[in-house]
Amino acid sequence: MKLFARPKCFSEAIALVTNLNYFLGLRIFEYPHGHSRPILSLIYFLFVFGIYFSGSFNMEEKYYSNLRLMKLEYVLYKIFPHFLAVSIILKMLLGWWHTQKFKACHKKIFEIDETLRRLGLSVNYDRIYFVTIGMITVWIIGSFILSIVAFIHLRIRTDICTTVYIIVCSTYLLTVNSLNIFEFYLFVRFLQIKFKLINRFLCENLINLSTNKIRLGIFELKDYAKIMDVEQQKHIFFSTMIFRRRWRLQRINVLELKKQDQVLSQIESHFPSQLKNHFQRYNPLLKCSERKQLLQIFKQVHLELCKVSKIVCTILGVQVAWEIGTIIMYLSGAFYNLFIRYVMHQHKVKGVPAQTALTLSLCFLNIFRIVFISHICKNAADEGNKIIKIIYAIYGYDADSDMQEEVCLLLLYCYIVKYSKKIRKKKWVTLTLQWSAFFASKCIIDCFYANVFYNYPSKLFQIQQFGIQILQSPVKFSIFGLILDNRLLTMILKSVTIYMVIMVQVSIILESDNSVQDMQF
């Protein structure tokens, strides 16, 4: 794919991120395309990790060799590099383990795009592609600026080679940790765009339906009214003729009336079939079935997007959760370091302004990553769960009132069918009363037929099914029970505050204990 060329699918839009994963050793190589090379990938992985591990430990020991630390600082600086090394190994192994799941996820996304294209919806990944290019460019510029600040700070205590080595290892660590967050962001961004595309399509249909005075899944009311008016006039004409004929025959001869009843029963049996044939010739419900099919397609697409969100949370959830823990640890240690430098005034060191600028820059970067991921997850979840409200608005659906209406019509229908048959069997009932009951029941049955047998499945059953689907499988992004939304930042700040208070108290206790000597690397 050429640079700045329009991507045709999601895998092409995030091709730069995928190649960067290969370069950092987080995926299994494929050369040529579709042929995995696990042995070469393992060799490359061990080579990259060996460079990082040796640099992160040996160079940091040389950096802290002439620096006296507080007792708790010594413990933190000893534990944190091991924690970061385990983080790199974990992300590499998980990236290898979920390589096939990444392919399956991209395949499912491609199928969703094909379905939307068949519906006439434009699938455009230009925004994701240029966001990817822009973020990588910003990351390169930001890493260069941080490297300059770190070089100024490190050059005070170490030589040039050690300084460059530490900067390279730190940049690799930050890139690996940020790459998983950014890749998770791209998948969530894709889901948000798809949900927004479906919602916009439904909203546009809502506007068109309101102007044409029709609703999805329901009759075209004007056409239906015209048909029913014509058929009702025919119905009245035939019923009047039948009624007059029966009245005359009742006066003349009862025996003759029985013979004519057979003819009339044939006419009555023929009349509903005639009405049915007319509805088959001109049936406005054909469009209704198409709209119901469209609703069914959107329902399935929504379900597939929910499955994609769960797959993404599975393959990247551990990395994101680990990164959240790493951010909490780093922020706690950084704020503790600033506290003992500026509040407790303990162990003054050289280059405090440069160290403070570097620490604050990294703190800002970590907070930005948390805000970045929590905000996009919240927006995508809201966009995905908003679709059922749009469906309700299109159908004009109120669950309680519609349920009561349909149940009442159903009971009334059963009651009329049952007792109209009983009335017609009674010999003592006059012919006028029989036909009055018959026509009343026929009108109510027609209303029930129109409102229940067509309106109920499309308006009530499918919408309830869609609502149950969203209730059972709502759009949410969670990792180990932790929901990624705006509450995530609050949770992290609370945790950092608690850990910082604990570390300050422990540090005061350790410094007051003379039996424990100050530590030095």
Protein backbone atom coordinates (compact mmCIF):
# COMPACT_ATOMS: atom_id res chain seq x y z
CA MET A 1 0.00 0.00 0.00
CA LYS A 2 1.34 3.43 -0.96
CA LEU A 3 1.74 6.13 1.64
CA PHE A 4 -1.25 8.53 1.81
CA ALA A 5 -3.23 6.22 -0.50
CA ARG A 6 -6.84 5.65 0.45
CA PRO A 7 -7.15 2.41 2.47
CA LYS A 8 -9.75 -0.07 1.28
CA CYS A 9 -10.13 -1.99 4.54
CA PHE A 10 -9.35 -1.69 8.23
CA SER A 11 -6.19 -3.83 8.03
CA GLU A 12 -4.73 -1.42 5.47
CA ALA A 13 -5.66 1.57 7.63
CA ILE A 14 -3.64 0.25 10.59
CA ALA A 15 -0.86 -1.29 8.50
CA LEU A 16 1.72 1.08 10.03
CA VAL A 17 0.83 -0.08 13.54
CA THR A 18 0.99 -3.72 12.46
CA ASN A 19 4.43 -3.23 10.90
CA LEU A 20 5.59 -1.45 14.03
CA ASN A 21 4.48 -4.48 16.06
CA TYR A 22 6.60 -6.69 13.81
CA PHE A 23 9.56 -4.35 14.19
CA LEU A 24 9.33 -4.33 18.00
CA GLY A 25 8.95 -8.12 18.19
CA LEU A 26 5.31 -8.14 19.33
CA ARG A 27 3.99 -10.29 16.44
CA ILE A 28 5.05 -13.33 14.45
CA PHE A 29 6.54 -12.41 11.09
CA GLU A 30 4.74 -13.34 7.89
CA TYR A 31 6.94 -13.62 4.84
CA PRO A 32 5.63 -13.94 2.24
CA HIS A 33 2.16 -12.79 3.17
CA GLY A 34 0.17 -15.53 4.90
CA HIS A 35 3.21 -17.68 5.83
CA SER A 36 4.23 -17.39 9.49
CA ARG A 37 7.91 -17.51 10.47
CA PRO A 38 7.91 -18.35 14.21
CA ILE A 39 11.60 -19.37 14.40
CA LEU A 40 12.87 -16.15 12.86
CA SER A 41 10.46 -14.20 15.04
CA LEU A 42 11.76 -15.95 18.17
CA ILE A 43 15.37 -15.17 17.28
CA TYR A 44 14.52 -11.54 16.64
CA PHE A 45 12.51 -11.36 19.86
CA LEU A 46 15.40 -12.70 21.97
CA PHE A 47 17.82 -10.29 20.30
CA VAL A 48 15.64 -7.23 20.95
CA PHE A 49 14.81 -8.23 24.51
CA GLY A 50 18.47 -8.98 25.29
CA ILE A 51 19.47 -5.47 24.21
CA TYR A 52 16.73 -3.93 26.31
CA PHE A 53 17.36 -6.07 29.40
CA SER A 54 21.11 -5.46 29.51
CA GLY A 55 20.66 -1.77 28.97
CA SER A 56 17.86 -1.25 31.46
CA PHE A 57 19.76 -2.89 34.33
CA ASN A 58 23.46 -2.27 33.71
CA MET A 59 23.08 1.33 32.62
CA GLU A 60 20.74 2.25 35.45
CA GLU A 61 23.16 0.79 38.00
CA LYS A 62 25.86 2.99 36.52
CA TYR A 63 23.47 5.98 36.68
CA TYR A 64 22.63 5.46 40.37
CA SER A 65 26.13 4.36 41.44
CA ASN A 66 27.16 7.71 42.96
CA LEU A 67 23.74 8.70 44.26
CA ARG A 68 22.57 8.20 47.83
CA LEU A 69 18.93 7.22 47.98
CA MET A 70 16.36 7.07 50.70
CA LYS A 71 15.57 3.60 51.96
CA LEU A 72 12.19 3.33 50.27
CA GLU A 73 13.59 4.84 47.07
CA TYR A 74 16.15 2.08 46.92
CA VAL A 75 13.43 -0.58 47.14
CA LEU A 76 11.35 1.12 44.46
CA TYR A 77 14.24 1.56 42.05
CA LYS A 78 15.15 -2.11 42.48
CA ILE A 79 11.64 -3.45 41.94
CA PHE A 80 10.42 -1.21 39.14
CA PRO A 81 12.96 -2.29 36.43
CA HIS A 82 12.07 -5.94 37.03
CA PHE A 83 8.40 -5.09 36.76
CA LEU A 84 8.99 -3.35 33.43
CA ALA A 85 11.03 -6.28 32.11
CA VAL A 86 8.21 -8.68 32.97
CA SER A 87 5.84 -6.27 31.23
CA ILE A 88 7.84 -6.47 27.99
CA ILE A 89 7.99 -10.27 28.09
CA LEU A 90 4.28 -10.55 28.83
CA LYS A 91 3.27 -8.30 25.96
CA MET A 92 5.52 -10.11 23.52
CA LEU A 93 4.18 -13.54 24.52
CA LEU A 94 0.56 -12.38 24.40
CA GLY A 95 1.14 -10.78 21.02
CA TRP A 96 2.46 -14.08 19.73
CA TRP A 97 -0.32 -16.09 21.35
CA HIS A 98 -3.12 -13.95 19.89
CA THR A 99 -1.69 -13.58 16.38
CA GLN A 100 -4.36 -15.88 14.91
CA LYS A 101 -7.11 -14.09 16.85
CA PHE A 102 -5.95 -10.82 15.34
CA LYS A 103 -6.36 -12.35 11.89
CA ALA A 104 -9.83 -13.66 12.76
CA CYS A 105 -10.80 -10.23 14.07
CA HIS A 106 -9.65 -8.54 10.86
CA LYS A 107 -11.57 -11.12 8.82
CA LYS A 108 -14.77 -10.47 10.78
CA ILE A 109 -14.31 -6.73 10.31
CA PHE A 110 -13.92 -7.26 6.56
CA GLU A 111 -17.19 -9.25 6.47
CA ILE A 112 -18.99 -6.47 8.34
CA ASP A 113 -17.67 -3.94 5.82
CA GLU A 114 -18.92 -6.05 2.91
CA THR A 115 -22.37 -6.27 4.48
CA LEU A 116 -22.54 -2.51 4.94
CA ARG A 117 -21.37 -1.94 1.38
CA ARG A 118 -24.19 -4.12 0.06
CA LEU A 119 -26.62 -1.93 1.97
CA GLY A 120 -25.23 1.13 0.21
CA LEU A 121 -23.30 2.52 3.17
CA SER A 122 -19.90 4.01 2.42
CA VAL A 123 -17.03 2.46 4.37
CA ASN A 124 -14.30 5.07 4.75
CA TYR A 125 -11.11 4.51 6.74
CA ASP A 126 -9.34 7.72 5.75
CA ARG A 127 -9.80 9.22 9.20
CA ILE A 128 -8.34 6.19 11.00
CA TYR A 129 -5.45 6.04 8.56
CA PHE A 130 -4.50 9.70 8.93
CA VAL A 131 -4.98 9.52 12.69
CA THR A 132 -2.50 6.64 12.68
CA ILE A 133 0.02 8.63 10.65
CA GLY A 134 -0.51 11.71 12.80
CA MET A 135 -0.09 9.87 16.10
CA ILE A 136 3.07 8.12 14.93
CA THR A 137 4.45 11.47 13.78
CA VAL A 138 3.56 13.12 17.09
CA TRP A 139 5.09 10.19 18.96
CA ILE A 140 8.37 10.52 17.04
CA ILE A 141 8.52 14.26 17.73
CA GLY A 142 7.59 13.78 21.39
CA SER A 143 10.16 11.03 21.85
CA PHE A 144 12.81 13.25 20.30
CA ILE A 145 11.97 16.10 22.70
CA LEU A 146 11.98 13.77 25.71
CA SER A 147 15.29 12.31 24.55
CA ILE A 148 16.83 15.79 24.48
CA VAL A 149 15.59 16.52 28.01
CA ALA A 150 16.81 13.11 29.21
CA PHE A 151 20.18 13.62 27.52
CA ILE A 152 20.67 16.92 29.35
CA HIS A 153 19.76 15.29 32.64
CA LEU A 154 21.77 12.06 32.17
CA ARG A 155 24.88 13.73 30.79
CA ILE A 156 25.54 15.24 34.23
CA ARG A 157 26.21 11.81 35.81
CA THR A 158 27.22 9.47 32.97
CA ASP A 159 29.20 9.43 29.76
CA ILE A 160 27.74 9.82 26.28
CA CYS A 161 27.51 6.09 25.44
CA THR A 162 25.68 5.25 28.65
CA THR A 163 23.34 8.20 28.15
CA VAL A 164 22.44 7.16 24.60
CA TYR A 165 21.97 3.54 25.65
CA ILE A 166 19.61 4.47 28.49
CA ILE A 167 17.63 6.77 26.17
CA VAL A 168 17.26 4.02 23.53
CA CYS A 169 16.08 1.46 26.10
CA SER A 170 13.64 3.92 27.69
CA THR A 171 12.26 4.89 24.27
CA TYR A 172 11.77 1.23 23.39
CA LEU A 173 9.93 0.64 26.68
CA LEU A 174 7.63 3.64 26.21
CA THR A 175 6.94 2.69 22.60
CA VAL A 176 5.96 -0.89 23.45
CA ASN A 177 3.72 0.20 26.31
CA SER A 178 2.06 2.96 24.29
CA LEU A 179 1.66 0.84 21.16
CA ASN A 180 -0.74 -1.59 22.85
CA ILE A 181 -2.82 1.32 24.13
CA PHE A 182 -2.89 2.93 20.70
CA GLU A 183 -3.81 -0.32 18.94
CA PHE A 184 -6.65 -0.81 21.39
CA TYR A 185 -7.73 2.75 20.66
CA LEU A 186 -7.82 2.08 16.90
CA PHE A 187 -10.10 -0.93 17.31
CA VAL A 188 -12.43 1.00 19.61
CA ARG A 189 -12.38 3.90 17.16
CA PHE A 190 -13.40 1.53 14.38
CA LEU A 191 -16.35 0.29 16.45
CA GLN A 192 -17.41 3.84 17.24
CA ILE A 193 -17.37 4.77 13.53
CA LYS A 194 -19.46 1.73 12.60
CA PHE A 195 -22.03 2.34 15.33
CA LYS A 196 -22.22 5.99 14.34
CA LEU A 197 -22.67 5.05 10.68
CA ILE A 198 -25.57 2.72 11.48
CA ASN A 199 -27.20 5.26 13.79
CA ARG A 200 -26.91 8.02 11.20
CA PHE A 201 -28.45 5.77 8.54
CA LEU A 202 -31.39 4.99 10.83
CA CYS A 203 -31.82 8.66 11.75
CA GLU A 204 -31.93 9.65 8.09
CA ASN A 205 -34.60 7.01 7.52
CA LEU A 206 -36.49 8.45 10.47
CA ILE A 207 -36.56 11.87 8.80
CA ASN A 208 -37.70 10.37 5.49
CA LEU A 209 -40.35 8.32 7.21
CA SER A 210 -41.72 11.32 9.07
CA THR A 211 -42.05 13.31 5.84
CA ASN A 212 -43.74 10.44 4.00
CA LYS A 213 -46.02 9.75 6.99
CA ILE A 214 -45.01 6.13 7.25
CA ARG A 215 -43.05 4.11 9.79
CA LEU A 216 -40.71 1.20 9.41
CA GLY A 217 -42.28 -2.22 9.75
CA ILE A 218 -45.89 -0.84 9.66
CA PHE A 219 -48.41 -0.39 6.86
CA GLU A 220 -48.37 2.52 4.51
CA LEU A 221 -51.41 3.92 6.24
CA LYS A 222 -52.76 5.96 3.34
CA ASP A 223 -52.67 3.05 0.91
CA TYR A 224 -54.16 0.74 3.49
CA ALA A 225 -57.00 3.20 4.18
CA LYS A 226 -57.82 3.42 0.48
CA ILE A 227 -57.92 -0.35 0.14
CA MET A 228 -60.07 -0.75 3.23
CA ASP A 229 -62.49 1.96 2.04
CA VAL A 230 -63.01 0.20 -1.30
CA GLU A 231 -63.36 -3.20 0.31
CA GLN A 232 -65.69 -1.84 2.97
CA GLN A 233 -67.98 -0.40 0.29
CA LYS A 234 -68.01 -3.76 -1.47
CA HIS A 235 -68.57 -5.45 1.85
CA ILE A 236 -71.60 -3.22 2.64
CA PHE A 237 -73.04 -3.71 -0.84
CA PHE A 238 -72.79 -7.49 -0.71
CA SER A 239 -74.05 -7.64 2.87
CA THR A 240 -77.07 -5.44 2.01
CA MET A 241 -77.97 -7.63 -0.93
CA ILE A 242 -77.64 -10.76 1.15
CA PHE A 243 -79.65 -9.28 4.00
CA ARG A 244 -82.57 -8.20 1.73
CA ARG A 245 -82.65 -11.53 0.00
CA ARG A 246 -82.78 -13.41 3.24
CA TRP A 247 -85.50 -11.16 4.61
CA ARG A 248 -87.72 -11.79 1.58
CA LEU A 249 -87.11 -15.50 1.65
CA GLN A 250 -87.94 -15.63 5.34
CA ARG A 251 -91.33 -14.12 4.58
CA ILE A 252 -92.07 -16.45 1.70
CA ASN A 253 -90.97 -19.83 2.83
CA VAL A 254 -88.77 -21.23 5.59
CA LEU A 255 -87.85 -24.29 3.59
CA GLU A 256 -86.72 -22.19 0.70
CA LEU A 257 -84.62 -20.20 3.15
CA LYS A 258 -82.66 -23.30 4.10
CA LYS A 259 -81.82 -23.99 0.48
CA GLN A 260 -80.66 -20.45 -0.06
CA ASP A 261 -78.52 -20.60 3.07
CA GLN A 262 -76.19 -22.98 1.27
CA VAL A 263 -75.77 -20.49 -1.57
CA LEU A 264 -75.22 -17.65 0.86
CA SER A 265 -72.66 -19.61 2.84
CA GLN A 266 -70.73 -20.13 -0.38
CA ILE A 267 -70.89 -16.40 -1.07
CA GLU A 268 -69.74 -15.64 2.45
CA SER A 269 -66.90 -18.11 2.17
CA HIS A 270 -65.99 -16.61 -1.20
CA PHE A 271 -65.97 -13.04 0.10
CA PRO A 272 -62.91 -13.37 2.44
CA SER A 273 -60.98 -15.20 -0.28
CA GLN A 274 -61.83 -12.40 -2.71
CA LEU A 275 -60.58 -9.86 -0.20
CA LYS A 276 -57.46 -11.93 0.34
CA ASN A 277 -56.79 -12.17 -3.39
CA HIS A 278 -57.12 -8.40 -3.66
CA PHE A 279 -54.57 -7.94 -0.90
CA GLN A 280 -52.22 -10.31 -2.67
CA ARG A 281 -52.53 -8.31 -5.88
CA TYR A 282 -51.78 -5.04 -4.16
CA ASN A 283 -49.98 -5.54 -0.90
CA PRO A 284 -48.23 -2.55 0.73
CA LEU A 285 -46.68 -4.95 3.23
CA LEU A 286 -44.10 -5.98 0.68
CA LYS A 287 -42.15 -2.87 1.59
CA CYS A 288 -42.76 -3.68 5.23
CA SER A 289 -41.06 -7.06 4.83
CA GLU A 290 -38.07 -5.37 3.21
CA ARG A 291 -37.81 -2.95 6.11
CA LYS A 292 -38.08 -5.78 8.61
CA GLN A 293 -35.34 -7.59 6.75
CA LEU A 294 -33.22 -4.44 6.89
CA LEU A 295 -33.82 -4.22 10.63
CA GLN A 296 -32.79 -7.86 10.96
CA ILE A 297 -29.56 -7.15 9.05
CA PHE A 298 -28.72 -4.20 11.30
CA LYS A 299 -29.47 -6.33 14.31
CA GLN A 300 -27.01 -8.98 13.10
CA VAL A 301 -24.38 -6.35 12.24
CA HIS A 302 -24.76 -4.85 15.71
CA LEU A 303 -24.31 -8.31 17.24
CA GLU A 304 -21.16 -8.91 15.16
CA LEU A 305 -19.74 -5.56 16.25
CA CYS A 306 -20.38 -6.53 19.87
CA LYS A 307 -18.50 -9.78 19.24
CA VAL A 308 -15.60 -7.81 17.78
CA SER A 309 -15.51 -5.63 20.90
CA LYS A 310 -15.31 -8.74 23.10
CA ILE A 311 -12.54 -10.21 20.95
CA VAL A 312 -10.57 -6.96 21.20
CA CYS A 313 -11.00 -6.91 24.98
CA THR A 314 -9.77 -10.52 25.07
CA ILE A 315 -6.64 -10.14 22.95
CA LEU A 316 -5.60 -6.72 24.29
CA GLY A 317 -7.26 -6.71 27.72
CA VAL A 318 -4.30 -8.15 29.64
CA GLN A 319 -1.89 -5.70 28.04
CA VAL A 320 -4.14 -2.73 28.77
CA ALA A 321 -4.75 -3.87 32.37
CA TRP A 322 -1.03 -4.37 32.92
CA GLU A 323 -0.34 -0.95 31.45
CA ILE A 324 -2.89 0.62 33.80
CA GLY A 325 -1.09 -1.01 36.72
CA THR A 326 2.25 0.24 35.40
CA ILE A 327 0.88 3.77 35.10
CA ILE A 328 -0.40 3.66 38.69
CA MET A 329 3.01 2.48 39.92
CA TYR A 330 4.89 5.10 37.92
CA LEU A 331 2.65 7.99 38.98
CA SER A 332 2.87 6.92 42.61
CA GLY A 333 6.67 6.71 42.43
CA ALA A 334 7.01 9.97 40.48
CA PHE A 335 4.83 11.98 42.87
CA TYR A 336 6.63 10.43 45.82
CA ASN A 337 9.96 11.41 44.29
CA LEU A 338 8.78 15.00 43.79
CA PHE A 339 7.40 15.05 47.34
CA ILE A 340 10.67 14.08 48.97
CA ARG A 341 12.63 16.49 46.76
CA TYR A 342 10.49 19.60 47.22
CA VAL A 343 8.56 19.01 50.45
CA MET A 344 10.79 16.89 52.65
CA HIS A 345 14.01 18.36 51.15
CA GLN A 346 15.81 15.05 51.51
CA HIS A 347 18.94 14.04 49.62
CA LYS A 348 19.41 16.96 47.30
CA VAL A 349 20.88 15.94 43.93
CA LYS A 350 22.29 17.68 40.93
CA GLY A 351 20.10 18.66 38.01
CA VAL A 352 16.82 18.79 39.93
CA PRO A 353 15.10 21.12 37.37
CA ALA A 354 15.89 18.78 34.46
CA GLN A 355 14.83 15.75 36.48
CA THR A 356 11.60 17.51 37.48
CA ALA A 357 10.84 18.46 33.86
CA LEU A 358 11.43 14.88 32.70
CA THR A 359 9.30 13.44 35.51
CA LEU A 360 6.41 15.83 34.87
CA SER A 361 6.57 15.15 31.12
CA LEU A 362 6.30 11.41 31.66
CA CYS A 363 3.48 11.91 34.18
CA PHE A 364 1.59 14.03 31.67
CA LEU A 365 2.14 11.38 28.98
CA ASN A 366 0.75 8.62 31.20
CA ILE A 367 -2.27 10.68 32.24
CA PHE A 368 -2.91 11.54 28.59
CA ARG A 369 -2.91 7.85 27.67
CA ILE A 370 -5.50 7.07 30.34
CA VAL A 371 -7.75 9.97 29.31
CA PHE A 372 -7.22 9.00 25.68
CA ILE A 373 -8.41 5.41 26.12
CA SER A 374 -11.20 6.05 28.65
CA HIS A 375 -12.78 8.81 26.57
CA ILE A 376 -12.92 6.81 23.34
CA CYS A 377 -14.30 3.73 25.13
CA LYS A 378 -17.03 5.80 26.76
CA ASN A 379 -18.05 7.40 23.44
CA ALA A 380 -18.02 4.09 21.55
CA ALA A 381 -20.14 2.36 24.20
CA ASP A 382 -22.68 5.21 24.22
CA GLU A 383 -22.86 5.17 20.42
CA GLY A 384 -23.40 1.42 20.33
CA ASN A 385 -26.12 1.39 22.98
CA LYS A 386 -27.91 4.38 21.42
CA ILE A 387 -29.17 2.32 18.49
CA ILE A 388 -32.10 0.82 20.40
CA LYS A 389 -33.36 4.31 21.30
CA ILE A 390 -33.28 5.24 17.62
CA ILE A 391 -35.18 2.06 16.74
CA TYR A 392 -37.80 2.92 19.36
CA ALA A 393 -38.09 6.43 17.94
CA ILE A 394 -38.51 5.13 14.39
CA TYR A 395 -41.21 2.69 15.39
CA GLY A 396 -42.89 5.06 17.82
CA TYR A 397 -42.65 2.25 20.31
CA ASP A 398 -43.75 2.36 23.93
CA ALA A 399 -43.35 -1.05 25.48
CA ASP A 400 -45.99 -0.81 28.22
CA SER A 401 -48.77 0.85 26.23
CA ASP A 402 -48.23 -1.30 23.15
CA MET A 403 -48.20 -4.49 25.17
CA GLN A 404 -51.46 -3.58 26.89
CA GLU A 405 -53.04 -2.63 23.56
CA GLU A 406 -52.08 -5.85 21.83
CA VAL A 407 -53.19 -8.03 24.77
CA CYS A 408 -56.57 -6.28 24.93
CA LEU A 409 -57.07 -6.74 21.19
CA LEU A 410 -56.14 -10.38 21.46
CA LEU A 411 -58.63 -11.01 24.27
CA LEU A 412 -61.35 -9.08 22.44
CA TYR A 413 -60.71 -11.08 19.30
CA CYS A 414 -60.99 -14.41 21.12
CA TYR A 415 -64.15 -13.26 22.88
CA ILE A 416 -65.89 -12.15 19.67
CA VAL A 417 -64.93 -15.24 17.69
CA LYS A 418 -66.16 -17.48 20.46
CA TYR A 419 -69.50 -15.81 21.14
CA SER A 420 -70.34 -14.88 17.55
CA LYS A 421 -70.32 -18.57 16.71
CA LYS A 422 -72.60 -19.28 19.67
CA ILE A 423 -75.02 -16.51 18.69
CA ARG A 424 -75.32 -17.78 15.14
CA LYS A 425 -76.17 -21.26 16.39
CA LYS A 426 -79.15 -19.99 18.41
CA LYS A 427 -82.41 -20.47 16.49
CA TRP A 428 -84.39 -18.01 18.57
CA VAL A 429 -82.17 -15.06 17.71
CA THR A 430 -83.58 -12.91 14.96
CA LEU A 431 -81.85 -12.66 11.64
CA THR A 432 -81.19 -8.93 12.11
CA LEU A 433 -79.41 -9.51 15.41
CA GLN A 434 -77.37 -12.30 13.88
CA TRP A 435 -76.15 -10.18 11.04
CA SER A 436 -75.48 -7.20 13.32
CA ALA A 437 -73.31 -9.39 15.50
CA PHE A 438 -71.64 -10.86 12.44
CA PHE A 439 -70.73 -7.50 10.90
CA ALA A 440 -69.56 -6.07 14.24
CA SER A 441 -67.34 -9.06 14.85
CA LYS A 442 -66.10 -8.92 11.25
CA CYS A 443 -65.06 -5.28 11.59
CA ILE A 444 -63.27 -5.89 14.89
CA ILE A 445 -61.58 -8.99 13.49
CA ASP A 446 -60.40 -6.97 10.49
CA CYS A 447 -58.98 -4.34 12.84
CA PHE A 448 -57.30 -7.03 14.88
CA TYR A 449 -55.92 -8.65 11.73
CA ALA A 450 -54.42 -5.34 10.63
CA ASN A 451 -53.10 -4.26 14.01
CA VAL A 452 -51.92 -7.55 15.47
CA PHE A 453 -50.95 -10.06 12.84
CA TYR A 454 -48.93 -7.50 10.86
CA ASN A 455 -48.11 -4.88 13.43
CA TYR A 456 -47.30 -7.12 16.38
CA PRO A 457 -44.39 -9.14 14.94
CA SER A 458 -42.67 -6.18 13.31
CA LYS A 459 -43.36 -3.50 15.87
CA LEU A 460 -43.26 -5.39 19.13
CA PHE A 461 -41.57 -8.73 18.81
CA GLN A 462 -38.53 -7.71 16.77
CA ILE A 463 -37.95 -4.55 18.77
CA GLN A 464 -38.20 -6.46 22.03
CA GLN A 465 -35.80 -9.02 20.59
CA PHE A 466 -33.37 -6.24 19.66
CA GLY A 467 -33.73 -4.71 23.12
CA ILE A 468 -33.10 -8.06 24.82
CA GLN A 469 -30.01 -8.53 22.64
CA ILE A 470 -28.59 -5.20 23.79
CA LEU A 471 -29.49 -5.95 27.41
CA GLN A 472 -27.79 -9.35 27.24
CA SER A 473 -24.83 -8.14 25.21
CA PRO A 474 -24.42 -4.39 25.74
CA VAL A 475 -21.58 -2.52 24.15
CA LYS A 476 -18.98 -2.07 26.84
CA PHE A 477 -15.22 -2.32 27.11
CA SER A 478 -14.08 -4.04 30.26
CA ILE A 479 -10.93 -5.82 31.36
CA PHE A 480 -11.14 -8.15 34.35
CA GLY A 481 -14.31 -6.45 35.53
CA LEU A 482 -12.86 -2.95 35.16
CA ILE A 483 -15.05 -0.92 32.81
CA LEU A 484 -13.11 1.50 30.64
CA ASP A 485 -14.95 4.81 30.81
CA ASN A 486 -14.54 8.21 32.43
CA ARG A 487 -14.49 6.62 35.88
CA LEU A 488 -11.14 5.02 35.08
CA LEU A 489 -9.20 8.27 35.56
CA THR A 490 -10.90 8.85 38.90
CA MET A 491 -10.01 5.34 40.03
CA ILE A 492 -6.37 5.79 39.04
CA LEU A 493 -6.05 9.15 40.83
CA LYS A 494 -7.59 7.64 43.97
CA SER A 495 -5.17 4.71 43.84
CA VAL A 496 -2.17 6.98 43.27
CA THR A 497 -3.19 9.20 46.20
CA ILE A 498 -3.61 6.21 48.53
CA TYR A 499 -0.29 4.63 47.53
CA MET A 500 1.54 7.93 47.80
CA VAL A 501 0.24 8.52 51.34
CA ILE A 502 1.27 4.98 52.30
CA MET A 503 4.75 5.45 50.83
CA VAL A 504 5.25 8.76 52.62
CA GLN A 505 4.26 7.20 55.94
CA VAL A 506 6.49 4.17 55.37
CA SER A 507 9.38 6.42 54.30
CA ILE A 508 9.07 8.50 57.47
CA ILE A 509 9.10 5.35 59.61
CA LEU A 510 12.12 3.90 57.78
CA GLU A 511 14.09 7.14 57.98
CA SER A 512 13.45 7.39 61.72
CA ASP A 513 14.72 3.82 62.25
CA ASN A 514 18.48 4.07 62.75
CA SER A 515 18.94 0.31 62.52
CA VAL A 516 18.28 0.53 58.78
CA GLN A 517 21.12 2.28 56.97
CA ASP A 518 20.84 4.43 53.88
CA MET A 519 21.15 2.45 50.68
CA GLN A 520 23.39 2.92 47.71
CA PHE A 521 23.52 1.07 44.38
